[in-house]
C-alpha atoms as a PDB file:
ATOM      1  CA  MET A   1      -8.703  10.741  16.251  1.00  0.00           C
ATOM      2  CA  ALA A   2      -9.042   8.766  19.467  1.00  0.00           C
ATOM      3  CA  ARG A   3     -10.379  11.781  21.362  1.00  0.00           C
ATOM      4  CA  ALA A   4     -12.117  13.543  18.466  1.00  0.00           C
ATOM      5  CA  THR A   5     -15.850  14.149  18.355  1.00  0.00           C
ATOM      6  CA  LEU A   6     -16.059  15.396  14.780  1.00  0.00           C
ATOM      7  CA  TYR A   7     -13.758  15.572  11.749  1.00  0.00           C
ATOM      8  CA  VAL A   8     -13.801  18.831   9.796  1.00  0.00           C
ATOM      9  CA  GLY A   9     -11.106  18.931   7.158  1.00  0.00           C
ATOM     10  CA  SER A  10     -10.017  18.050   3.672  1.00  0.00           C
ATOM     11  CA  LEU A  11     -10.659  14.875   1.704  1.00  0.00           C
ATOM     12  CA  GLY A  12      -7.167  13.427   2.099  1.00  0.00           C
ATOM     13  CA  VAL A  13      -5.850  10.485   4.091  1.00  0.00           C
ATOM     14  CA  THR A  14      -7.018  11.929   7.413  1.00  0.00           C
ATOM     15  CA  PHE A  15     -10.565  11.923   6.014  1.00  0.00           C
ATOM     16  CA  VAL A  16     -10.312   8.146   5.560  1.00  0.00           C
ATOM     17  CA  GLU A  17      -8.906   7.796   9.088  1.00  0.00           C
ATOM     18  CA  ALA A  18     -11.888   9.733  10.444  1.00  0.00           C
ATOM     19  CA  LEU A  19     -14.283   7.418   8.613  1.00  0.00           C
ATOM     20  CA  ALA A  20     -12.497   4.367   9.975  1.00  0.00           C
ATOM     21  CA  ALA A  21     -12.777   5.847  13.456  1.00  0.00           C
ATOM     22  CA  GLY A  22     -16.528   6.256  12.957  1.00  0.00           C
ATOM     23  CA  LEU A  23     -16.500  10.016  13.402  1.00  0.00           C
ATOM     24  CA  PRO A  24     -19.096  12.344  11.956  1.00  0.00           C
ATOM     25  CA  VAL A  25     -17.435  14.067   9.007  1.00  0.00           C
ATOM     26  CA  VAL A  26     -17.661  17.401   7.230  1.00  0.00           C
ATOM     27  CA  ALA A  27     -15.093  17.732   4.474  1.00  0.00           C
ATOM     28  CA  ALA A  28     -14.027  20.011   1.659  1.00  0.00           C
ATOM     29  CA  MET A  29     -11.970  19.363  -1.433  1.00  0.00           C
ATOM     30  CA  VAL A  30      -8.814  21.475  -1.295  1.00  0.00           C
ATOM     31  CA  ALA A  31      -6.892  19.897  -4.192  1.00  0.00           C
ATOM     32  CA  ASP A  32      -7.937  18.504  -7.563  1.00  0.00           C
ATOM     33  CA  ASN A  33      -6.635  15.045  -6.649  1.00  0.00           C
ATOM     34  CA  GLN A  34      -9.371  14.824  -3.983  1.00  0.00           C
ATOM     35  CA  ARG A  35     -12.238  14.855  -6.511  1.00  0.00           C
ATOM     36  CA  LEU A  36     -12.669  11.072  -6.361  1.00  0.00           C
ATOM     37  CA  ALA A  37     -12.941  11.279  -2.559  1.00  0.00           C
ATOM     38  CA  LEU A  38     -15.481  14.108  -2.928  1.00  0.00           C
ATOM     39  CA  VAL A  39     -17.686  11.946  -5.142  1.00  0.00           C
ATOM     40  CA  ALA A  40     -17.319   8.935  -2.821  1.00  0.00           C
ATOM     41  CA  ALA A  41     -18.096  11.027   0.272  1.00  0.00           C
ATOM     42  CA  ARG A  42     -21.263  12.394  -1.289  1.00  0.00           C
ATOM     43  CA  GLU A  43     -22.331   8.897  -2.350  1.00  0.00           C
ATOM     44  CA  MET A  44     -21.916   7.839   1.301  1.00  0.00           C
ATOM     45  CA  GLY A  45     -24.172  10.697   2.401  1.00  0.00           C
ATOM     46  CA  ILE A  46     -21.334  12.696   3.920  1.00  0.00           C
ATOM     47  CA  ILE A  47     -21.459  16.483   3.847  1.00  0.00           C
ATOM     48  CA  ALA A  48     -18.674  17.361   1.424  1.00  0.00           C
ATOM     49  CA  PHE A  49     -17.968  20.670  -0.275  1.00  0.00           C
ATOM     50  CA  GLU A  50     -16.316  21.162  -3.649  1.00  0.00           C
ATOM     51  CA  ARG A  51     -14.511  24.203  -2.268  1.00  0.00           C
ATOM     52  CA  PRO A  52     -14.017  25.517   1.254  1.00  0.00           C
ATOM     53  CA  ASP A  53     -16.778  27.853   2.451  1.00  0.00           C
ATOM     54  CA  ALA A  54     -16.203  28.808   6.095  1.00  0.00           C
ATOM     55  CA  GLN A  55     -19.794  29.659   6.993  1.00  0.00           C
ATOM     56  CA  ALA A  56     -21.298  26.637   5.221  1.00  0.00           C
ATOM     57  CA  ILE A  57     -18.722  24.323   6.812  1.00  0.00           C
ATOM     58  CA  ALA A  58     -19.401  25.766  10.273  1.00  0.00           C
ATOM     59  CA  ASP A  59     -23.141  25.283   9.803  1.00  0.00           C
ATOM     60  CA  ALA A  60     -22.612  21.725   8.540  1.00  0.00           C
ATOM     61  CA  ALA A  61     -20.301  20.943  11.464  1.00  0.00           C
ATOM     62  CA  LEU A  62     -22.993  21.946  13.967  1.00  0.00           C
ATOM     63  CA  GLN A  63     -25.539  19.883  12.038  1.00  0.00           C
ATOM     64  CA  ALA A  64     -23.182  16.857  11.982  1.00  0.00           C
ATOM     65  CA  LEU A  65     -22.613  17.030  15.729  1.00  0.00           C
ATOM     66  CA  TYR A  66     -26.324  16.576  16.385  1.00  0.00           C
ATOM     67  CA  ALA A  67     -27.088  14.144  13.551  1.00  0.00           C
ATOM     68  CA  ALA A  68     -27.019  10.361  13.523  1.00  0.00           C
ATOM     69  CA  PRO A  69     -23.577   8.734  13.432  1.00  0.00           C
ATOM     70  CA  SER A  70     -21.722   9.136  10.158  1.00  0.00           C
ATOM     71  CA  ALA A  71     -20.969   6.488   7.598  1.00  0.00           C
ATOM     72  CA  MET A  72     -18.229   4.135   8.658  1.00  0.00           C
ATOM     73  CA  LEU A  73     -15.901   2.282   6.351  1.00  0.00           C
ATOM     74  CA  GLU A  74     -16.198  -1.478   6.425  1.00  0.00           C
ATOM     75  CA  GLN A  75     -13.422  -2.835   8.588  1.00  0.00           C
ATOM     76  CA  PRO A  76     -10.925  -5.203   6.941  1.00  0.00           C
ATOM     77  CA  ASP A  77     -10.960  -8.825   8.046  1.00  0.00           C
ATOM     78  CA  GLY A  78      -7.206  -8.926   8.693  1.00  0.00           C
ATOM     79  CA  LEU A  79      -6.706 -11.815   6.263  1.00  0.00           C
ATOM     80  CA  GLY A  80      -5.513  -9.804   3.261  1.00  0.00           C
ATOM     81  CA  ALA A  81      -1.813 -10.656   3.600  1.00  0.00           C
ATOM     82  CA  GLY A  82      -2.630 -14.372   3.583  1.00  0.00           C
ATOM     83  CA  ARG A  83      -4.808 -13.999   0.487  1.00  0.00           C
ATOM     84  CA  VAL A  84      -2.053 -12.124  -1.323  1.00  0.00           C
ATOM     85  CA  ALA A  85       0.552 -14.721  -0.316  1.00  0.00           C
ATOM     86  CA  ARG A  86      -1.670 -17.588  -1.537  1.00  0.00           C
ATOM     87  CA  ALA A  87      -2.316 -15.806  -4.839  1.00  0.00           C
ATOM     88  CA  LEU A  88       1.406 -15.193  -5.351  1.00  0.00           C
ATOM     89  CA  LEU A  89       2.308 -18.804  -4.535  1.00  0.00           C
ATOM     90  CA  HIS A  90      -0.420 -20.025  -6.888  1.00  0.00           C
ATOM     91  CA  ARG A  91       0.889 -17.743  -9.658  1.00  0.00           C
ATOM     92  CA  ILE A  92       4.474 -18.943  -9.125  1.00  0.00           C
ATOM     93  CA  ALA A  93       3.403 -22.608  -9.144  1.00  0.00           C
ATOM     94  CA  ASN A  94       1.160 -22.148 -12.225  1.00  0.00           C
ATOM     95  CA  PRO A  95       2.872 -19.672 -14.572  1.00  0.00           C
END
């Protein structure tokens, strides 16, 4: 992802990595378990296909390369482990 200009692929884990990297994205659902990601991608304004269509994906990829930057996932604050630890300690101390 570090040297990528555009992500064209499925709606799996690599799709989320591409979003986190701030890449323009064109994606297609290739398995039923990616339906939730398809809905989320469309809600974010990302070009996402319910099934692969080579010509439509190629056209969308060219469009994405020249469009404004894609949606980017909000970056975590890095404090999640501390929050979880505090919640666990609180739960242990107050059953």
